Amino acid sequence: MAAYFIELSPVLQAFIFTLFTWGMTALGAALVFTTKTMNEKLLDSMLGFAGGVMIAASFWSLLSPAIEMAEQDSLPAWVPAAIGFMSGAIFLWAVDKLIPHLHPNSNMKDAEGIQPAKRKRSTLLVLAITLHNIPEGLAIGVAFGAVAQGLPTASLGAAITLAIGIGIQNLPEGTAVSMPLRREGMSRRKSFLYGQFSGMVEPIAAVIGVLAVTMMEPLLPFALSFAAGAMIFVVAEEVIPASQENGNKDLAAMSLMIGFTIMMILDVALG
């Protein structure tokens, strides 16, 4: 089975693993079938854990390989990494400004603190998580694309570890969408469908990431750094604040440390 997977094209490899990350989003959203509300401490710890996983994955699976690849070029190694990293953050910042959305755990108010209509609130909340899942799918695609290029700094183990880490952190994201919708009075079925829908963009973004780097190999350091910057922006702007809005700051912080440590161990051991 492992040998069969290795022989697959990088597009199929990335697509398969982003189906897994989408499935983890659906699993988190499925918790809405068991309860209408979720323990705030548990949800905050899950979000903190997700933040730690994303930070570790951004460095070990994306930014560090990007710097090592850039060392082979004439420019200083930090140049493409820095430009790509900031470009990813600026891109997500611009998307957040241009497209209206809601943040999870925000009492269903928009960025201006206004309480929109119920149907609009549902759409904006799903849109927020969907937008933030794009860099995660892109990161997985870029990682598998780097392996396909045969670069010594990229490994299949690291790409798989990245996908597993993103899948783990997708579980609380699915919950963070479906639970507020259920509290708003939406049916369990619709709350689940909206929650899992937010992860649907990851396979699409992954395929785009693979195709981009396999067709334009010189862009690999920039693409890896771009994905890392976008993910770190999501953590800083979305995941960490959402994990602390209920006052469980110490719990969220320690969960973040645990998530970072586990992802670091997986990446170093398997990468």
Protein backbone atom coordinates (compact mmCIF):
# COMPACT_ATOMS: atom_id res chain seq x y z
CA MET A 1 0.00 0.00 0.00
CA ALA A 2 2.82 2.39 0.91
CA ALA A 3 4.69 1.56 -2.30
CA TYR A 4 1.54 2.20 -4.32
CA PHE A 5 1.09 5.61 -2.71
CA ILE A 6 4.71 6.60 -3.37
CA GLU A 7 4.25 5.86 -7.07
CA LEU A 8 1.23 8.15 -7.37
CA SER A 9 1.56 11.60 -8.92
CA PRO A 10 2.10 14.45 -6.43
CA VAL A 11 -1.29 15.88 -7.42
CA LEU A 12 -3.04 12.68 -6.36
CA GLN A 13 -0.93 12.39 -3.20
CA ALA A 14 -1.84 15.91 -2.12
CA PHE A 15 -5.48 15.41 -3.10
CA ILE A 16 -5.74 12.21 -1.05
CA PHE A 17 -4.28 13.81 2.07
CA THR A 18 -6.45 16.90 1.76
CA LEU A 19 -9.46 14.62 1.56
CA PHE A 20 -8.25 13.45 4.98
CA THR A 21 -8.01 17.03 6.28
CA TRP A 22 -11.49 17.72 4.90
CA GLY A 23 -12.71 14.59 6.67
CA MET A 24 -11.26 15.85 9.96
CA THR A 25 -13.17 19.12 9.49
CA ALA A 26 -16.34 17.08 8.95
CA LEU A 27 -15.57 15.01 12.06
CA GLY A 28 -15.30 18.17 14.13
CA ALA A 29 -18.53 19.51 12.65
CA ALA A 30 -20.26 16.19 13.40
CA LEU A 31 -20.03 16.89 17.13
CA VAL A 32 -23.11 19.03 16.59
CA PHE A 33 -25.13 15.77 16.45
CA THR A 34 -24.19 14.97 20.04
CA THR A 35 -24.88 18.31 21.75
CA LYS A 36 -26.13 21.82 21.10
CA THR A 37 -23.34 23.40 23.13
CA MET A 38 -19.76 22.44 23.81
CA ASN A 39 -17.67 22.87 26.93
CA GLU A 40 -15.86 26.18 26.49
CA LYS A 41 -12.68 24.96 28.16
CA LEU A 42 -12.51 21.95 25.84
CA LEU A 43 -13.08 24.06 22.73
CA ASP A 44 -10.50 26.66 23.83
CA SER A 45 -7.94 23.95 24.53
CA MET A 46 -8.62 22.41 21.10
CA LEU A 47 -8.15 25.78 19.40
CA GLY A 48 -4.95 26.42 21.36
CA PHE A 49 -3.66 22.98 20.38
CA ALA A 50 -4.51 23.72 16.74
CA GLY A 51 -2.54 26.98 16.93
CA GLY A 52 0.53 25.16 18.23
CA VAL A 53 0.31 22.56 15.46
CA MET A 54 0.06 25.26 12.79
CA ILE A 55 3.01 27.25 14.14
CA ALA A 56 5.25 24.18 14.26
CA ALA A 57 4.13 23.01 10.82
CA SER A 58 4.76 26.47 9.37
CA PHE A 59 8.38 26.42 10.48
CA TRP A 60 9.55 22.82 10.16
CA SER A 61 7.54 21.79 7.11
CA LEU A 62 7.52 25.07 5.17
CA LEU A 63 9.79 27.92 6.24
CA SER A 64 12.90 25.93 7.18
CA PRO A 65 12.92 23.93 3.89
CA ALA A 66 12.35 27.18 1.99
CA ILE A 67 15.46 28.74 3.56
CA GLU A 68 17.54 25.63 2.82
CA MET A 69 16.41 25.64 -0.82
CA ALA A 70 17.16 29.34 -1.17
CA GLU A 71 20.75 28.78 -0.03
CA GLN A 72 21.45 27.24 -3.44
CA ASP A 73 20.64 30.52 -5.22
CA SER A 74 22.77 33.63 -5.66
CA LEU A 75 20.57 35.79 -3.43
CA PRO A 76 20.92 35.64 0.37
CA ALA A 77 18.80 32.76 1.67
CA TRP A 78 16.63 35.02 3.79
CA VAL A 79 15.45 37.16 0.84
CA PRO A 80 12.91 34.81 -0.83
CA ALA A 81 11.89 33.44 2.56
CA ALA A 82 11.21 36.89 4.00
CA ILE A 83 9.42 38.15 0.89
CA GLY A 84 7.29 35.01 0.61
CA PHE A 85 6.49 34.95 4.33
CA MET A 86 5.30 38.56 4.41
CA SER A 87 3.47 38.17 1.10
CA GLY A 88 1.44 35.32 2.54
CA ALA A 89 0.50 37.38 5.59
CA ILE A 90 -0.36 40.46 3.52
CA PHE A 91 -2.47 38.37 1.15
CA LEU A 92 -4.56 36.97 4.03
CA TRP A 93 -4.81 40.42 5.61
CA ALA A 94 -6.11 41.85 2.32
CA VAL A 95 -8.62 39.02 1.95
CA ASP A 96 -9.85 39.64 5.50
CA LYS A 97 -10.35 43.32 4.70
CA LEU A 98 -11.97 42.86 1.31
CA ILE A 99 -14.36 40.00 2.06
CA PRO A 100 -16.84 40.37 4.95
CA HIS A 101 -16.76 37.53 7.45
CA LEU A 102 -17.30 36.56 11.08
CA HIS A 103 -14.83 35.10 13.55
CA PRO A 104 -15.65 31.98 15.56
CA ASN A 105 -16.36 32.59 19.29
CA SER A 106 -17.21 36.23 18.51
CA ASN A 107 -20.86 36.13 19.68
CA MET A 108 -21.79 36.12 15.99
CA LYS A 109 -20.90 39.79 15.46
CA ASP A 110 -19.00 41.08 12.48
CA ALA A 111 -15.72 43.01 12.52
CA GLU A 112 -17.56 46.25 13.34
CA GLY A 113 -19.42 44.66 16.24
CA ILE A 114 -22.73 44.69 14.37
CA GLN A 115 -25.17 41.80 14.74
CA PRO A 116 -26.18 40.88 11.17
CA ALA A 117 -29.24 38.91 10.19
CA LYS A 118 -29.22 35.22 11.15
CA ARG A 119 -28.79 33.87 7.61
CA LYS A 120 -26.05 36.39 6.89
CA ARG A 121 -24.28 35.48 10.14
CA SER A 122 -24.20 31.83 9.08
CA THR A 123 -22.76 32.70 5.67
CA LEU A 124 -20.11 35.03 7.08
CA LEU A 125 -18.96 32.53 9.70
CA VAL A 126 -18.56 29.72 7.16
CA LEU A 127 -16.81 32.12 4.78
CA ALA A 128 -14.26 33.06 7.45
CA ILE A 129 -13.16 29.46 8.10
CA THR A 130 -13.27 28.63 4.38
CA LEU A 131 -10.94 31.51 3.55
CA HIS A 132 -8.53 30.48 6.28
CA ASN A 133 -8.47 26.88 5.01
CA ILE A 134 -7.09 27.99 1.64
CA PRO A 135 -3.47 28.48 2.84
CA GLU A 136 -3.62 25.14 4.64
CA GLY A 137 -4.53 23.29 1.45
CA LEU A 138 -1.98 25.33 -0.47
CA ALA A 139 0.71 24.42 2.06
CA ILE A 140 0.04 20.69 1.64
CA GLY A 141 0.11 20.99 -2.14
CA VAL A 142 3.37 22.93 -2.12
CA ALA A 143 4.95 20.38 0.24
CA PHE A 144 4.07 17.43 -2.01
CA GLY A 145 5.13 19.42 -5.06
CA ALA A 146 8.53 20.03 -3.49
CA VAL A 147 8.95 16.28 -2.96
CA ALA A 148 8.08 15.63 -6.60
CA GLN A 149 10.88 17.97 -7.66
CA GLY A 150 13.37 15.70 -5.90
CA LEU A 151 14.79 18.45 -3.72
CA PRO A 152 16.99 17.14 -0.89
CA THR A 153 15.40 19.48 1.63
CA ALA A 154 11.90 18.09 0.97
CA SER A 155 10.74 14.64 2.03
CA LEU A 156 7.55 12.65 1.69
CA GLY A 157 7.52 12.08 5.44
CA ALA A 158 7.56 15.82 6.10
CA ALA A 159 4.73 16.41 3.61
CA ILE A 160 2.62 13.66 5.18
CA THR A 161 3.35 14.99 8.67
CA LEU A 162 2.23 18.45 7.58
CA ALA A 163 -1.04 17.01 6.24
CA ILE A 164 -1.63 15.05 9.46
CA GLY A 165 -0.94 18.13 11.57
CA ILE A 166 -3.33 20.27 9.54
CA GLY A 167 -5.93 17.51 9.74
CA ILE A 168 -5.64 17.45 13.54
CA GLN A 169 -6.12 21.20 13.81
CA ASN A 170 -9.07 21.10 11.38
CA LEU A 171 -11.14 19.15 13.89
CA PRO A 172 -11.75 22.11 16.25
CA GLU A 173 -12.28 24.38 13.25
CA GLY A 174 -15.21 22.26 12.11
CA THR A 175 -16.61 22.37 15.64
CA ALA A 176 -16.08 26.14 15.84
CA VAL A 177 -18.36 26.57 12.82
CA SER A 178 -21.11 24.04 13.49
CA MET A 179 -21.66 24.76 17.21
CA PRO A 180 -22.40 28.50 16.89
CA LEU A 181 -24.76 27.77 14.01
CA ARG A 182 -26.59 25.20 16.13
CA ARG A 183 -26.84 27.69 19.01
CA GLU A 184 -28.40 30.14 16.55
CA GLY A 185 -31.24 27.67 16.00
CA MET A 186 -30.09 26.03 12.77
CA SER A 187 -30.89 22.33 12.45
CA ARG A 188 -28.20 19.78 13.32
CA ARG A 189 -28.02 18.62 9.71
CA LYS A 190 -27.56 22.09 8.27
CA SER A 191 -25.05 23.04 10.99
CA PHE A 192 -23.00 19.97 10.11
CA LEU A 193 -23.19 20.62 6.37
CA TYR A 194 -22.04 24.23 6.80
CA GLY A 195 -19.26 23.14 9.15
CA GLN A 196 -17.80 20.48 6.89
CA PHE A 197 -18.20 22.70 3.84
CA SER A 198 -15.46 24.99 5.19
CA GLY A 199 -12.88 22.24 4.60
CA MET A 200 -13.92 21.58 1.01
CA VAL A 201 -11.52 24.19 -0.39
CA GLU A 202 -8.41 22.38 0.87
CA PRO A 203 -8.25 19.68 -1.85
CA ILE A 204 -8.74 22.38 -4.50
CA ALA A 205 -6.03 24.61 -3.03
CA ALA A 206 -3.69 21.63 -2.68
CA VAL A 207 -3.96 20.74 -6.37
CA ILE A 208 -3.26 24.37 -7.28
CA GLY A 209 -0.22 24.38 -4.99
CA VAL A 210 1.22 21.21 -6.53
CA LEU A 211 0.74 22.40 -10.09
CA ALA A 212 2.25 25.81 -9.33
CA VAL A 213 5.50 24.51 -7.89
CA THR A 214 5.97 21.62 -10.33
CA MET A 215 5.62 23.98 -13.29
CA MET A 216 7.71 26.77 -11.75
CA GLU A 217 10.44 25.16 -9.64
CA PRO A 218 12.35 28.43 -8.99
CA LEU A 219 9.30 29.69 -7.08
CA LEU A 220 9.48 26.88 -4.52
CA PRO A 221 11.23 28.82 -1.71
CA PHE A 222 8.81 31.70 -2.23
CA ALA A 223 5.76 29.38 -2.38
CA LEU A 224 6.72 27.50 0.79
CA SER A 225 7.35 30.78 2.64
CA PHE A 226 4.10 32.25 1.31
CA ALA A 227 2.12 29.30 2.71
CA ALA A 228 3.96 29.61 6.04
CA GLY A 229 3.22 33.33 6.30
CA ALA A 230 -0.45 32.81 5.49
CA MET A 231 -0.76 30.09 8.14
CA ILE A 232 1.00 32.13 10.83
CA PHE A 233 -1.29 35.08 10.05
CA VAL A 234 -4.32 32.83 10.57
CA VAL A 235 -2.93 31.67 13.93
CA ALA A 236 -2.15 35.18 15.15
CA GLU A 237 -5.30 36.85 13.81
CA GLU A 238 -7.85 34.09 14.31
CA VAL A 239 -6.92 30.94 16.22
CA ILE A 240 -5.15 32.34 19.29
CA PRO A 241 -7.64 35.19 19.93
CA ALA A 242 -10.57 32.76 19.52
CA SER A 243 -8.99 30.37 22.05
CA GLN A 244 -8.77 33.11 24.69
CA GLU A 245 -12.08 34.95 24.31
CA ASN A 246 -13.72 32.91 27.06
CA GLY A 247 -11.04 33.76 29.62
CA ASN A 248 -9.23 30.40 29.49
CA LYS A 249 -5.90 31.99 28.57
CA ASP A 250 -3.61 29.70 30.58
CA LEU A 251 -5.36 26.57 29.32
CA ALA A 252 -5.22 27.78 25.72
CA ALA A 253 -1.55 28.74 26.06
CA MET A 254 -0.54 25.36 27.49
CA SER A 255 -2.57 23.56 24.83
CA LEU A 256 -0.72 25.58 22.20
CA MET A 257 2.61 24.49 23.70
CA ILE A 258 1.50 20.85 23.66
CA GLY A 259 0.34 21.10 20.05
CA PHE A 260 3.62 22.71 19.02
CA THR A 261 5.67 20.04 20.82
CA ILE A 262 3.75 17.12 19.31
CA MET A 263 3.97 18.55 15.80
CA MET A 264 7.68 19.26 16.26
CA ILE A 265 8.30 15.67 17.37
CA LEU A 266 6.35 14.27 14.43
CA ASP A 267 8.08 16.50 11.92
CA VAL A 268 11.60 15.83 13.20
CA ALA A 269 10.99 12.09 13.62
CA LEU A 270 9.26 11.53 10.29
CA GLY A 271 10.79 14.31 8.21
